[in-house]
Amino acid sequence: MKKALVIRALMMAVNLRKPVPGLVHHSDRGSQYASHEYQGLLKQHCMIPSMSRKGNCWDNAPVERFFSSLKREWTGDRLYRTRQEAIADVREYVAVYYNSQRLHSTLGYKTPMNYEKGLNKVSGNS
């Protein structure tokens, strides 16, 4: 993986989400995330870097779970004709389905969008 890719992804996230200072940014220990450029961007945007511990796969369990859900619920064994087609399909999964329609048990069976909007009372009384 190239650092340019993760830098573009970080900047897209910053521009779309406008995170508040102090946001904790977690990643694995990959060289692209440890690069001076990437760490400089985190600092510039007042983010606190957090990296998984060396050799501890459990630190990345939430991200691994997301990719498992993406593959199981959406892409499966699908073959894409172009990279752009794959990108568009994954964006649709994240923006249309995963964040706004899919209920998440860890959020009290709410969508991430509703949880973030403050409709985050945990299950039972909604």
N, C-alpha and C. Protein backbone atom coordinates (compact mmCIF):
# COMPACT_ATOMS: atom_id res chain seq x y z
N MET A 1 0.85 -1.18 0.00
CA MET A 1 0.00 0.00 0.00
C MET A 1 0.90 1.24 0.00
N LYS A 2 0.53 2.19 -0.78
CA LYS A 2 1.30 3.43 -0.90
C LYS A 2 0.80 4.47 0.07
N LYS A 3 1.71 5.30 0.58
CA LYS A 3 1.29 6.33 1.52
C LYS A 3 0.39 7.37 0.86
N ALA A 4 0.54 7.59 -0.45
CA ALA A 4 -0.31 8.56 -1.14
C ALA A 4 -1.78 8.18 -1.02
N LEU A 5 -2.07 6.90 -1.08
CA LEU A 5 -3.46 6.44 -0.97
C LEU A 5 -4.04 6.76 0.40
N VAL A 6 -3.31 6.46 1.47
CA VAL A 6 -3.85 6.71 2.80
C VAL A 6 -3.90 8.20 3.11
N ILE A 7 -2.99 8.97 2.53
CA ILE A 7 -3.03 10.42 2.70
C ILE A 7 -4.27 10.99 2.04
N ARG A 8 -4.58 10.51 0.82
CA ARG A 8 -5.81 10.98 0.14
C ARG A 8 -7.05 10.57 0.93
N ALA A 9 -7.06 9.37 1.47
CA ALA A 9 -8.21 8.90 2.25
C ALA A 9 -8.38 9.74 3.51
N LEU A 10 -7.27 10.05 4.18
CA LEU A 10 -7.35 10.89 5.38
C LEU A 10 -7.89 12.27 5.04
N MET A 11 -7.39 12.86 3.97
CA MET A 11 -7.85 14.20 3.60
C MET A 11 -9.32 14.20 3.18
N MET A 12 -9.76 13.14 2.52
CA MET A 12 -11.18 13.02 2.17
C MET A 12 -12.02 12.96 3.44
N ALA A 13 -11.58 12.17 4.40
CA ALA A 13 -12.31 12.05 5.67
C ALA A 13 -12.35 13.37 6.42
N VAL A 14 -11.22 14.06 6.46
CA VAL A 14 -11.16 15.36 7.15
C VAL A 14 -12.10 16.35 6.48
N ASN A 15 -12.07 16.41 5.16
CA ASN A 15 -12.92 17.36 4.45
C ASN A 15 -14.40 17.04 4.56
N LEU A 16 -14.73 15.77 4.57
CA LEU A 16 -16.15 15.37 4.67
C LEU A 16 -16.68 15.47 6.09
N ARG A 17 -15.87 15.06 7.07
CA ARG A 17 -16.36 14.94 8.44
C ARG A 17 -15.98 16.08 9.36
N LYS A 18 -14.94 16.84 9.02
CA LYS A 18 -14.50 17.98 9.84
C LYS A 18 -14.39 17.58 11.31
N PRO A 19 -13.47 16.66 11.62
CA PRO A 19 -13.38 16.16 13.00
C PRO A 19 -12.94 17.24 13.99
N VAL A 20 -13.43 17.09 15.20
CA VAL A 20 -13.07 18.02 16.27
C VAL A 20 -11.65 17.72 16.74
N PRO A 21 -10.95 18.72 17.24
CA PRO A 21 -9.60 18.48 17.77
C PRO A 21 -9.65 17.42 18.87
N GLY A 22 -8.63 16.57 18.88
CA GLY A 22 -8.56 15.53 19.89
C GLY A 22 -9.08 14.18 19.43
N LEU A 23 -9.56 14.11 18.19
CA LEU A 23 -10.03 12.84 17.66
C LEU A 23 -8.89 11.83 17.70
N VAL A 24 -9.17 10.62 18.15
CA VAL A 24 -8.17 9.57 18.18
C VAL A 24 -8.23 8.82 16.86
N HIS A 25 -7.12 8.80 16.16
CA HIS A 25 -7.02 8.12 14.86
C HIS A 25 -6.23 6.84 15.05
N HIS A 26 -6.90 5.69 14.89
CA HIS A 26 -6.24 4.41 15.10
C HIS A 26 -5.88 3.76 13.77
N SER A 27 -4.70 3.20 13.72
CA SER A 27 -4.27 2.47 12.53
C SER A 27 -3.35 1.33 12.97
N ASP A 28 -3.00 0.52 11.99
CA ASP A 28 -1.98 -0.49 12.28
C ASP A 28 -0.61 0.16 12.16
N ARG A 29 0.43 -0.63 12.24
CA ARG A 29 1.79 -0.09 12.27
C ARG A 29 2.42 -0.02 10.88
N GLY A 30 1.60 0.00 9.84
CA GLY A 30 2.11 0.05 8.48
C GLY A 30 2.97 1.28 8.23
N SER A 31 3.94 1.13 7.35
CA SER A 31 4.88 2.23 7.08
C SER A 31 4.17 3.46 6.54
N GLN A 32 3.07 3.28 5.81
CA GLN A 32 2.35 4.44 5.26
C GLN A 32 1.74 5.28 6.38
N TYR A 33 1.27 4.63 7.45
CA TYR A 33 0.68 5.36 8.57
C TYR A 33 1.75 5.96 9.49
N ALA A 34 2.91 5.34 9.51
CA ALA A 34 4.01 5.84 10.34
C ALA A 34 4.84 6.90 9.63
N SER A 35 4.58 7.13 8.35
CA SER A 35 5.39 8.09 7.58
C SER A 35 5.30 9.49 8.18
N HIS A 36 6.34 10.25 7.97
CA HIS A 36 6.38 11.63 8.48
C HIS A 36 5.24 12.46 7.91
N GLU A 37 4.94 12.26 6.63
CA GLU A 37 3.86 13.03 5.99
C GLU A 37 2.51 12.74 6.64
N TYR A 38 2.23 11.47 6.85
CA TYR A 38 0.93 11.08 7.42
C TYR A 38 0.81 11.56 8.86
N GLN A 39 1.86 11.33 9.64
CA GLN A 39 1.85 11.76 11.03
C GLN A 39 1.75 13.29 11.12
N GLY A 40 2.38 13.99 10.17
CA GLY A 40 2.29 15.45 10.13
C GLY A 40 0.88 15.93 9.87
N LEU A 41 0.16 15.23 8.99
CA LEU A 41 -1.23 15.60 8.72
C LEU A 41 -2.10 15.37 9.96
N LEU A 42 -1.86 14.29 10.67
CA LEU A 42 -2.62 14.04 11.90
C LEU A 42 -2.40 15.19 12.88
N LYS A 43 -1.16 15.58 13.03
CA LYS A 43 -0.83 16.67 13.95
C LYS A 43 -1.45 17.99 13.48
N GLN A 44 -1.35 18.25 12.19
CA GLN A 44 -1.92 19.48 11.61
C GLN A 44 -3.42 19.59 11.88
N HIS A 45 -4.11 18.45 11.88
CA HIS A 45 -5.56 18.45 12.10
C HIS A 45 -5.92 18.10 13.54
N CYS A 46 -4.94 18.22 14.45
CA CYS A 46 -5.14 18.03 15.89
C CYS A 46 -5.72 16.66 16.23
N MET A 47 -5.27 15.64 15.50
CA MET A 47 -5.69 14.27 15.78
C MET A 47 -4.62 13.59 16.62
N ILE A 48 -5.05 12.69 17.46
CA ILE A 48 -4.14 11.94 18.31
C ILE A 48 -3.90 10.58 17.65
N PRO A 49 -2.66 10.32 17.24
CA PRO A 49 -2.39 9.02 16.60
C PRO A 49 -2.40 7.89 17.61
N SER A 50 -2.95 6.77 17.20
CA SER A 50 -2.98 5.55 18.01
C SER A 50 -2.64 4.41 17.06
N MET A 51 -1.64 3.64 17.42
CA MET A 51 -1.26 2.49 16.58
C MET A 51 -1.39 1.21 17.38
N SER A 52 -1.76 0.16 16.67
CA SER A 52 -1.88 -1.13 17.33
C SER A 52 -0.52 -1.57 17.85
N ARG A 53 -0.59 -2.37 18.87
CA ARG A 53 0.65 -2.89 19.46
C ARG A 53 1.28 -3.90 18.52
N LYS A 54 2.58 -3.95 18.52
CA LYS A 54 3.32 -4.85 17.65
C LYS A 54 2.87 -6.29 17.89
N GLY A 55 2.46 -6.94 16.82
CA GLY A 55 2.09 -8.35 16.89
C GLY A 55 0.77 -8.63 17.58
N ASN A 56 -0.06 -7.60 17.82
CA ASN A 56 -1.34 -7.82 18.50
C ASN A 56 -2.49 -7.63 17.51
N CYS A 57 -2.95 -8.71 16.93
CA CYS A 57 -4.00 -8.63 15.91
C CYS A 57 -5.33 -8.15 16.48
N TRP A 58 -5.54 -8.27 17.78
CA TRP A 58 -6.83 -7.88 18.37
C TRP A 58 -7.05 -6.38 18.32
N ASP A 59 -5.99 -5.60 18.22
CA ASP A 59 -6.13 -4.14 18.16
C ASP A 59 -6.91 -3.70 16.93
N ASN A 60 -6.82 -4.46 15.87
CA ASN A 60 -7.50 -4.09 14.63
C ASN A 60 -8.80 -4.86 14.41
N ALA A 61 -9.28 -5.52 15.43
CA ALA A 61 -10.49 -6.33 15.29
C ALA A 61 -11.69 -5.55 14.74
N PRO A 62 -11.96 -4.30 15.19
CA PRO A 62 -13.11 -3.59 14.62
C PRO A 62 -13.01 -3.35 13.11
N VAL A 63 -11.83 -3.03 12.64
CA VAL A 63 -11.66 -2.80 11.20
C VAL A 63 -11.77 -4.11 10.44
N GLU A 64 -11.17 -5.15 10.99
CA GLU A 64 -11.28 -6.47 10.35
C GLU A 64 -12.74 -6.91 10.29
N ARG A 65 -13.51 -6.60 11.32
CA ARG A 65 -14.94 -6.93 11.34
C ARG A 65 -15.68 -6.18 10.22
N PHE A 66 -15.32 -4.90 10.03
CA PHE A 66 -15.94 -4.12 8.96
C PHE A 66 -15.68 -4.78 7.61
N PHE A 67 -14.43 -5.14 7.34
CA PHE A 67 -14.12 -5.74 6.04
C PHE A 67 -14.79 -7.09 5.87
N SER A 68 -14.95 -7.81 6.96
CA SER A 68 -15.68 -9.06 6.90
C SER A 68 -17.14 -8.81 6.50
N SER A 69 -17.75 -7.79 7.12
CA SER A 69 -19.14 -7.44 6.79
C SER A 69 -19.25 -7.00 5.34
N LEU A 70 -18.34 -6.18 4.88
CA LEU A 70 -18.34 -5.72 3.49
C LEU A 70 -18.34 -6.90 2.53
N LYS A 71 -17.45 -7.84 2.78
CA LYS A 71 -17.34 -9.00 1.89
C LYS A 71 -18.55 -9.92 2.00
N ARG A 72 -19.02 -10.14 3.21
CA ARG A 72 -20.13 -11.07 3.43
C ARG A 72 -21.46 -10.48 2.95
N GLU A 73 -21.69 -9.20 3.22
CA GLU A 73 -23.00 -8.60 2.94
C GLU A 73 -23.09 -7.95 1.56
N TRP A 74 -21.97 -7.61 0.95
CA TRP A 74 -22.06 -6.76 -0.23
C TRP A 74 -21.29 -7.30 -1.43
N THR A 75 -20.00 -7.41 -1.32
CA THR A 75 -19.21 -7.73 -2.51
C THR A 75 -19.14 -9.22 -2.79
N GLY A 76 -19.13 -10.03 -1.75
CA GLY A 76 -19.09 -11.48 -1.94
C GLY A 76 -17.97 -11.89 -2.88
N ASP A 77 -18.32 -12.66 -3.87
CA ASP A 77 -17.34 -13.12 -4.87
C ASP A 77 -17.41 -12.29 -6.15
N ARG A 78 -18.01 -11.14 -6.06
CA ARG A 78 -18.21 -10.31 -7.25
C ARG A 78 -16.87 -9.89 -7.86
N LEU A 79 -16.80 -9.92 -9.16
CA LEU A 79 -15.63 -9.43 -9.88
C LEU A 79 -16.01 -8.12 -10.55
N TYR A 80 -15.22 -7.11 -10.35
CA TYR A 80 -15.48 -5.79 -10.92
C TYR A 80 -14.73 -5.64 -12.24
N ARG A 81 -15.36 -5.00 -13.20
CA ARG A 81 -14.72 -4.79 -14.51
C ARG A 81 -13.64 -3.72 -14.44
N THR A 82 -13.86 -2.71 -13.59
CA THR A 82 -12.89 -1.63 -13.48
C THR A 82 -12.69 -1.27 -12.01
N ARG A 83 -11.59 -0.60 -11.75
CA ARG A 83 -11.32 -0.12 -10.39
C ARG A 83 -12.40 0.89 -9.98
N GLN A 84 -12.80 1.74 -10.91
CA GLN A 84 -13.83 2.75 -10.63
C GLN A 84 -15.16 2.09 -10.24
N GLU A 85 -15.49 1.00 -10.89
CA GLU A 85 -16.71 0.27 -10.55
C GLU A 85 -16.64 -0.27 -9.12
N ALA A 86 -15.49 -0.80 -8.73
CA ALA A 86 -15.31 -1.32 -7.37
C ALA A 86 -15.40 -0.19 -6.35
N ILE A 87 -14.75 0.93 -6.64
CA ILE A 87 -14.78 2.08 -5.73
C ILE A 87 -16.21 2.57 -5.55
N ALA A 88 -16.94 2.71 -6.64
CA ALA A 88 -18.33 3.19 -6.57
C ALA A 88 -19.19 2.23 -5.76
N ASP A 89 -18.99 0.94 -5.94
CA ASP A 89 -19.79 -0.04 -5.22
C ASP A 89 -19.49 -0.03 -3.72
N VAL A 90 -18.23 0.07 -3.36
CA VAL A 90 -17.86 0.12 -1.93
C VAL A 90 -18.36 1.42 -1.31
N ARG A 91 -18.29 2.52 -2.04
CA ARG A 91 -18.83 3.78 -1.52
C ARG A 91 -20.32 3.66 -1.26
N GLU A 92 -21.02 3.00 -2.17
CA GLU A 92 -22.47 2.81 -1.97
C GLU A 92 -22.73 1.98 -0.73
N TYR A 93 -21.95 0.94 -0.51
CA TYR A 93 -22.11 0.11 0.68
C TYR A 93 -21.95 0.96 1.94
N VAL A 94 -20.89 1.75 1.98
CA VAL A 94 -20.59 2.53 3.19
C VAL A 94 -21.62 3.63 3.39
N ALA A 95 -21.84 4.45 2.38
CA ALA A 95 -22.69 5.64 2.53
C ALA A 95 -24.18 5.31 2.55
N VAL A 96 -24.60 4.42 1.67
CA VAL A 96 -26.03 4.16 1.54
C VAL A 96 -26.49 3.06 2.50
N TYR A 97 -25.75 1.98 2.57
CA TYR A 97 -26.22 0.86 3.37
C TYR A 97 -25.63 0.84 4.79
N TYR A 98 -24.32 0.72 4.90
CA TYR A 98 -23.68 0.49 6.20
C TYR A 98 -23.95 1.61 7.20
N ASN A 99 -23.88 2.85 6.77
CA ASN A 99 -24.04 3.98 7.70
C ASN A 99 -25.47 4.46 7.88
N SER A 100 -26.34 4.22 6.90
CA SER A 100 -27.68 4.80 7.02
C SER A 100 -28.83 3.80 7.07
N GLN A 101 -28.57 2.52 6.76
CA GLN A 101 -29.66 1.55 6.79
C GLN A 101 -29.37 0.36 7.72
N ARG A 102 -28.14 -0.06 7.76
CA ARG A 102 -27.78 -1.26 8.51
C ARG A 102 -27.80 -0.98 10.02
N LEU A 103 -28.52 -1.80 10.75
CA LEU A 103 -28.58 -1.67 12.20
C LEU A 103 -27.36 -2.37 12.81
N HIS A 104 -26.74 -1.72 13.79
CA HIS A 104 -25.53 -2.23 14.41
C HIS A 104 -25.82 -2.60 15.86
N SER A 105 -25.57 -3.84 16.21
CA SER A 105 -25.86 -4.29 17.57
C SER A 105 -25.07 -3.52 18.61
N THR A 106 -23.84 -3.13 18.29
CA THR A 106 -23.02 -2.40 19.26
C THR A 106 -23.51 -0.97 19.48
N LEU A 107 -24.42 -0.51 18.63
CA LEU A 107 -25.00 0.83 18.77
C LEU A 107 -26.45 0.74 19.24
N GLY A 108 -26.79 -0.36 19.87
CA GLY A 108 -28.15 -0.52 20.35
C GLY A 108 -29.14 -0.70 19.21
N TYR A 109 -28.72 -1.36 18.16
CA TYR A 109 -29.54 -1.62 16.98
C TYR A 109 -30.02 -0.33 16.33
N LYS A 110 -29.12 0.60 16.20
CA LYS A 110 -29.35 1.85 15.48
C LYS A 110 -28.36 1.91 14.33
N THR A 111 -28.66 2.77 13.36
CA THR A 111 -27.69 3.00 12.30
C THR A 111 -26.62 3.94 12.83
N PRO A 112 -25.42 3.90 12.27
CA PRO A 112 -24.39 4.87 12.71
C PRO A 112 -24.84 6.31 12.54
N MET A 113 -25.57 6.62 11.47
CA MET A 113 -26.03 8.00 11.27
C MET A 113 -26.97 8.43 12.39
N ASN A 114 -27.93 7.59 12.73
CA ASN A 114 -28.86 7.94 13.81
C ASN A 114 -28.15 8.01 15.15
N TYR A 115 -27.22 7.10 15.38
CA TYR A 115 -26.46 7.12 16.62
C TYR A 115 -25.68 8.43 16.75
N GLU A 116 -25.02 8.82 15.68
CA GLU A 116 -24.22 10.03 15.70
C GLU A 116 -25.07 11.29 15.84
N LYS A 117 -26.27 11.27 15.30
CA LYS A 117 -27.16 12.43 15.40
C LYS A 117 -27.72 12.60 16.81
N GLY A 118 -27.41 11.69 17.70
CA GLY A 118 -27.88 11.83 19.07
C GLY A 118 -29.05 10.94 19.38
N LEU A 119 -29.46 10.14 18.43
CA LEU A 119 -30.54 9.19 18.68
C LEU A 119 -29.89 7.92 19.21
N ASN A 120 -29.03 8.10 20.22
CA ASN A 120 -28.16 7.01 20.64
C ASN A 120 -28.53 6.39 21.98
N LYS A 121 -29.76 6.49 22.36
CA LYS A 121 -30.17 5.77 23.56
C LYS A 121 -30.11 4.28 23.25
N VAL A 122 -29.46 3.55 24.11
CA VAL A 122 -29.23 2.13 23.84
C VAL A 122 -30.51 1.34 24.01
N SER A 123 -30.85 0.57 23.01
CA SER A 123 -31.98 -0.32 22.82
C SER A 123 -33.07 -0.32 23.88
N GLY A 124 -34.14 -0.97 23.51
CA GLY A 124 -35.23 -1.20 24.43
C GLY A 124 -36.27 -0.11 24.43
N ASN A 125 -35.90 1.16 24.46
CA ASN A 125 -36.89 2.23 24.60
C ASN A 125 -36.90 3.15 23.39
N SER A 126 -36.77 2.59 22.18
CA SER A 126 -36.86 3.43 21.00
C SER A 126 -38.13 3.16 20.25
